[in-house]
Structures are given as structure tokens and as C-alpha cells.
């Protein structure tokens, strides 16, 4: 089984124009250090590497072959589903609202009274063993009762 991901959310022709403009503007920057379409930096670096772009490649060195491979990766990246990982490899991004800013008795923000936050919006980055849904549902129930 396979699935295809469009990481950019754009069509390849539009993305090519955008990338060419960016690379012409930022000729001295390393491609791995650029940011496009709000793609998180860790994911961007992974996608650059997946496209065969070295960490040392400057924007000015992006030829047609590398550009086409990057665009292919950004707009139609194919992955084979072979099972479930038990490691953090599947966590491409992490983060959220710092747990120190939350009153967990009510799931209310300590900074903005009346704002209740639960689930994936919180920075609870751990191997939950599949219990992240339960944590979100429990948090939601506590927050709802606190409102």
C-alpha cells in the first residue's frame, strides 16, 4: 500500500515559479536553511535530503534536475506503508502550547483566563502508546466541565 503527500499544498508549476524566485533572491543561503509555505524547518530539511540536496548546497547551485526532484518531493511524495514504528521517527514536528502555561486541574490557560486548551494543541511530546486520543478526550471533558 502506498500514499502520496503534497507537502506544499500547491500545484507543481506554481511551486516551481515560487522556488525559482526564492532561490534567485537568496543565492548565498543554503537550501536546507530556507523556509517555504510554512513547512517546519525539520520537515523542510528532511524533504531536501529526501530530494538529494546536500546540506552544503547553496540556492544558486540548484539546477533543473535538483529543482525538479525537490518539486516532485514537495508535491507528490510517495511513501510505502509497511507497518507501525515504535520509535520517534514518525514525529516530524512537535510543539504546541507549553504545559507550564496550563492549569491541568481545569485545562485553562494561566496566561489567558477563559481559554481552555486540550489535545494536540498542547506540547505533550512523548510516546503515548496510542493513548494520545484518550488524553485529548479526558482533557476535553475536564475543560468542558470547568467552563
C-alpha atoms as a PDB file:
ATOM      1  CA  UNK A   1       0.000   0.000   0.000  1.00  0.00           C
ATOM      2  CA  UNK A   2       1.237   3.490  -0.864  1.00  0.00           C
ATOM      3  CA  UNK A   3       0.178   7.036  -0.167  1.00  0.00           C
ATOM      4  CA  UNK A   4       1.134  10.325  -1.800  1.00  0.00           C
ATOM      5  CA  UNK A   5       1.680  13.574   0.118  1.00  0.00           C
ATOM      6  CA  UNK A   6       1.605  17.116  -1.252  1.00  0.00           C
ATOM      7  CA  UNK A   7       3.659  18.871   1.430  1.00  0.00           C
ATOM      8  CA  UNK A   8       3.346  22.308  -0.207  1.00  0.00           C
ATOM      9  CA  UNK A   9      -0.375  22.354  -0.913  1.00  0.00           C
ATOM     10  CA  UNK A  10       0.393  23.825  -4.343  1.00  0.00           C
ATOM     11  CA  UNK A  11       0.490  22.612  -7.920  1.00  0.00           C
ATOM     12  CA  UNK A  12       3.989  21.833  -9.200  1.00  0.00           C
ATOM     13  CA  UNK A  13       4.049  24.615 -11.828  1.00  0.00           C
ATOM     14  CA  UNK A  14       3.165  27.298  -9.261  1.00  0.00           C
ATOM     15  CA  UNK A  15       5.683  25.936  -6.786  1.00  0.00           C
ATOM     16  CA  UNK A  16       8.449  25.924  -9.401  1.00  0.00           C
ATOM     17  CA  UNK A  17       7.922  29.628 -10.037  1.00  0.00           C
ATOM     18  CA  UNK A  18       7.908  30.354  -6.304  1.00  0.00           C
ATOM     19  CA  UNK A  19      11.077  28.338  -5.671  1.00  0.00           C
ATOM     20  CA  UNK A  20      12.965  29.853  -8.608  1.00  0.00           C
ATOM     21  CA  UNK A  21      12.161  33.334  -7.292  1.00  0.00           C
ATOM     22  CA  UNK A  22      13.230  32.375  -3.775  1.00  0.00           C
ATOM     23  CA  UNK A  23      16.474  30.761  -4.928  1.00  0.00           C
ATOM     24  CA  UNK A  24      17.337  33.779  -7.132  1.00  0.00           C
ATOM     25  CA  UNK A  25      16.689  36.128  -4.205  1.00  0.00           C
ATOM     26  CA  UNK A  26      18.605  34.070  -1.615  1.00  0.00           C
ATOM     27  CA  UNK A  27      21.560  32.897  -3.751  1.00  0.00           C
ATOM     28  CA  UNK A  28      24.048  32.651  -0.867  1.00  0.00           C
ATOM     29  CA  UNK A  29      21.793  30.785   1.546  1.00  0.00           C
ATOM     30  CA  UNK A  30      21.911  27.042   1.934  1.00  0.00           C
ATOM     31  CA  UNK A  31      18.763  25.406   0.566  1.00  0.00           C
ATOM     32  CA  UNK A  32      18.352  23.479   3.834  1.00  0.00           C
ATOM     33  CA  UNK A  33      18.142  26.808   5.724  1.00  0.00           C
ATOM     34  CA  UNK A  34      15.345  28.319   3.641  1.00  0.00           C
ATOM     35  CA  UNK A  35      11.671  28.127   4.534  1.00  0.00           C
ATOM     36  CA  UNK A  36       8.680  27.877   2.239  1.00  0.00           C
ATOM     37  CA  UNK A  37       4.940  27.659   2.730  1.00  0.00           C
ATOM     38  CA  UNK A  38       5.253  27.468   6.496  1.00  0.00           C
ATOM     39  CA  UNK A  39       6.821  23.999   6.298  1.00  0.00           C
ATOM     40  CA  UNK A  40       8.525  23.399   9.667  1.00  0.00           C
ATOM     41  CA  UNK A  41      12.327  23.525   9.427  1.00  0.00           C
ATOM     42  CA  UNK A  42      12.874  19.894  10.471  1.00  0.00           C
ATOM     43  CA  UNK A  43      10.432  18.690   7.843  1.00  0.00           C
ATOM     44  CA  UNK A  44      11.971  21.012   5.212  1.00  0.00           C
ATOM     45  CA  UNK A  45      15.464  19.632   5.899  1.00  0.00           C
ATOM     46  CA  UNK A  46      14.123  16.068   5.686  1.00  0.00           C
ATOM     47  CA  UNK A  47      12.429  16.818   2.353  1.00  0.00           C
ATOM     48  CA  UNK A  48      15.573  18.471   0.971  1.00  0.00           C
ATOM     49  CA  UNK A  49      17.653  15.437   1.943  1.00  0.00           C
ATOM     50  CA  UNK A  50      14.986  13.122   0.502  1.00  0.00           C
ATOM     51  CA  UNK A  51      15.284  15.111  -2.751  1.00  0.00           C
ATOM     52  CA  UNK A  52      19.047  14.530  -2.891  1.00  0.00           C
ATOM     53  CA  UNK A  53      20.020  18.062  -1.885  1.00  0.00           C
ATOM     54  CA  UNK A  54      23.173  18.196   0.215  1.00  0.00           C
ATOM     55  CA  UNK A  55      23.245  20.321   3.375  1.00  0.00           C
ATOM     56  CA  UNK A  56      26.038  22.306   1.696  1.00  0.00           C
ATOM     57  CA  UNK A  57      24.059  23.194  -1.448  1.00  0.00           C
ATOM     58  CA  UNK A  58      23.520  26.926  -1.941  1.00  0.00           C
ATOM     59  CA  UNK A  59      20.376  28.212  -3.621  1.00  0.00           C
ATOM     60  CA  UNK A  60      22.497  29.371  -6.568  1.00  0.00           C
ATOM     61  CA  UNK A  61      23.545  25.745  -7.186  1.00  0.00           C
ATOM     62  CA  UNK A  62      20.017  24.455  -7.709  1.00  0.00           C
ATOM     63  CA  UNK A  63      19.962  23.150 -11.262  1.00  0.00           C
ATOM     64  CA  UNK A  64      16.963  21.795 -13.128  1.00  0.00           C
ATOM     65  CA  UNK A  65      17.495  18.190 -12.023  1.00  0.00           C
ATOM     66  CA  UNK A  66      17.613  19.041  -8.303  1.00  0.00           C
ATOM     67  CA  UNK A  67      14.783  21.559  -8.705  1.00  0.00           C
ATOM     68  CA  UNK A  68      12.561  19.002 -10.414  1.00  0.00           C
ATOM     69  CA  UNK A  69      13.313  16.371  -7.755  1.00  0.00           C
ATOM     70  CA  UNK A  70      12.535  18.867  -4.950  1.00  0.00           C
ATOM     71  CA  UNK A  71       9.268  19.865  -6.616  1.00  0.00           C
ATOM     72  CA  UNK A  72       8.357  16.200  -7.069  1.00  0.00           C
ATOM     73  CA  UNK A  73       9.054  15.585  -3.375  1.00  0.00           C
ATOM     74  CA  UNK A  74       7.091  18.660  -2.280  1.00  0.00           C
ATOM     75  CA  UNK A  75       4.034  17.990  -4.436  1.00  0.00           C
ATOM     76  CA  UNK A  76       3.823  14.209  -4.876  1.00  0.00           C
ATOM     77  CA  UNK A  77       5.965  12.455  -2.279  1.00  0.00           C
ATOM     78  CA  UNK A  78       5.267   8.701  -2.327  1.00  0.00           C
ATOM     79  CA  UNK A  79       5.528   6.573   0.810  1.00  0.00           C
ATOM     80  CA  UNK A  80       5.081   2.849   1.177  1.00  0.00           C
ATOM     81  CA  UNK A  81       3.105   1.743   4.211  1.00  0.00           C
ATOM     82  CA  UNK A  82       4.867  -1.231   5.758  1.00  0.00           C
ATOM     83  CA  UNK A  83       3.747  -1.142   9.365  1.00  0.00           C
ATOM     84  CA  UNK A  84       3.892   0.812  12.560  1.00  0.00           C
ATOM     85  CA  UNK A  85       7.065   2.291  14.013  1.00  0.00           C
ATOM     86  CA  UNK A  86       7.859   2.148  17.707  1.00  0.00           C
ATOM     87  CA  UNK A  87      10.374   4.981  17.547  1.00  0.00           C
ATOM     88  CA  UNK A  88      10.115   8.767  17.250  1.00  0.00           C
ATOM     89  CA  UNK A  89      10.903   8.632  13.519  1.00  0.00           C
ATOM     90  CA  UNK A  90       7.252   9.312  12.751  1.00  0.00           C
ATOM     91  CA  UNK A  91       7.284  12.601  14.676  1.00  0.00           C
ATOM     92  CA  UNK A  92       8.251  15.131  12.027  1.00  0.00           C
ATOM     93  CA  UNK A  93       7.035  18.102  14.007  1.00  0.00           C
ATOM     94  CA  UNK A  94       6.399  18.631  17.666  1.00  0.00           C
ATOM     95  CA  UNK A  95       5.411  21.516  19.866  1.00  0.00           C
ATOM     96  CA  UNK A  96       2.410  23.441  20.963  1.00  0.00           C
ATOM     97  CA  UNK A  97       1.405  25.450  23.989  1.00  0.00           C
ATOM     98  CA  UNK A  98       3.910  24.969  26.808  1.00  0.00           C
ATOM     99  CA  UNK A  99       2.439  22.773  29.531  1.00  0.00           C
ATOM    100  CA  UNK A 100       3.726  25.216  32.175  1.00  0.00           C
ATOM    101  CA  UNK A 101       1.159  27.698  30.843  1.00  0.00           C
ATOM    102  CA  UNK A 102      -1.777  25.343  31.544  1.00  0.00           C
ATOM    103  CA  UNK A 103      -3.702  24.747  34.763  1.00  0.00           C
ATOM    104  CA  UNK A 104      -4.279  20.995  34.374  1.00  0.00           C
ATOM    105  CA  UNK A 105      -6.984  20.926  37.028  1.00  0.00           C
ATOM    106  CA  UNK A 106      -9.177  22.904  34.616  1.00  0.00           C
ATOM    107  CA  UNK A 107      -7.157  22.723  31.345  1.00  0.00           C
ATOM    108  CA  UNK A 108      -7.287  26.509  31.334  1.00  0.00           C
ATOM    109  CA  UNK A 109      -4.544  28.850  30.162  1.00  0.00           C
ATOM    110  CA  UNK A 110      -2.688  30.539  33.017  1.00  0.00           C
ATOM    111  CA  UNK A 111      -1.980  33.468  30.683  1.00  0.00           C
ATOM    112  CA  UNK A 112      -5.436  33.979  29.167  1.00  0.00           C
ATOM    113  CA  UNK A 113      -8.286  33.234  31.583  1.00  0.00           C
ATOM    114  CA  UNK A 114     -11.245  31.616  29.877  1.00  0.00           C
ATOM    115  CA  UNK A 115      -9.089  29.967  27.197  1.00  0.00           C
ATOM    116  CA  UNK A 116      -9.175  26.176  27.522  1.00  0.00           C
ATOM    117  CA  UNK A 117      -6.639  24.045  25.625  1.00  0.00           C
ATOM    118  CA  UNK A 118      -6.539  20.259  25.194  1.00  0.00           C
ATOM    119  CA  UNK A 119      -5.174  17.553  22.912  1.00  0.00           C
ATOM    120  CA  UNK A 120      -2.646  18.101  20.158  1.00  0.00           C
ATOM    121  CA  UNK A 121      -2.501  21.856  20.742  1.00  0.00           C
ATOM    122  CA  UNK A 122      -0.512  21.146  23.935  1.00  0.00           C
ATOM    123  CA  UNK A 123       3.214  20.455  23.870  1.00  0.00           C
ATOM    124  CA  UNK A 124       2.994  16.946  25.250  1.00  0.00           C
ATOM    125  CA  UNK A 125       5.707  15.223  23.248  1.00  0.00           C
ATOM    126  CA  UNK A 126       6.051  11.612  24.302  1.00  0.00           C
ATOM    127  CA  UNK A 127       5.438   8.092  23.141  1.00  0.00           C
ATOM    128  CA  UNK A 128       1.898   7.709  24.406  1.00  0.00           C
ATOM    129  CA  UNK A 129       1.381   4.141  23.277  1.00  0.00           C
ATOM    130  CA  UNK A 130      -1.767   5.171  21.446  1.00  0.00           C
ATOM    131  CA  UNK A 131      -3.272   6.888  24.443  1.00  0.00           C
ATOM    132  CA  UNK A 132      -2.980  10.404  22.991  1.00  0.00           C
ATOM    133  CA  UNK A 133      -6.653  10.233  21.954  1.00  0.00           C
ATOM    134  CA  UNK A 134      -7.642   9.249  25.465  1.00  0.00           C
ATOM    135  CA  UNK A 135      -5.561  12.111  26.879  1.00  0.00           C
ATOM    136  CA  UNK A 136      -7.305  14.533  24.500  1.00  0.00           C
ATOM    137  CA  UNK A 137     -10.785  13.212  25.339  1.00  0.00           C
ATOM    138  CA  UNK A 138     -10.145  13.279  29.081  1.00  0.00           C
ATOM    139  CA  UNK A 139      -8.720  16.796  28.835  1.00  0.00           C
ATOM    140  CA  UNK A 140     -11.736  17.881  26.802  1.00  0.00           C
ATOM    141  CA  UNK A 141     -14.145  16.513  29.411  1.00  0.00           C
ATOM    142  CA  UNK A 142     -12.303  18.282  32.230  1.00  0.00           C
ATOM    143  CA  UNK A 143     -12.176  21.538  30.253  1.00  0.00           C
ATOM    144  CA  UNK A 144     -15.881  21.312  29.361  1.00  0.00           C
ATOM    145  CA  UNK A 145     -16.876  20.772  32.989  1.00  0.00           C
ATOM    146  CA  UNK A 146     -14.618  23.656  34.048  1.00  0.00           C
ATOM    147  CA  UNK A 147     -16.305  26.043  31.631  1.00  0.00           C
END
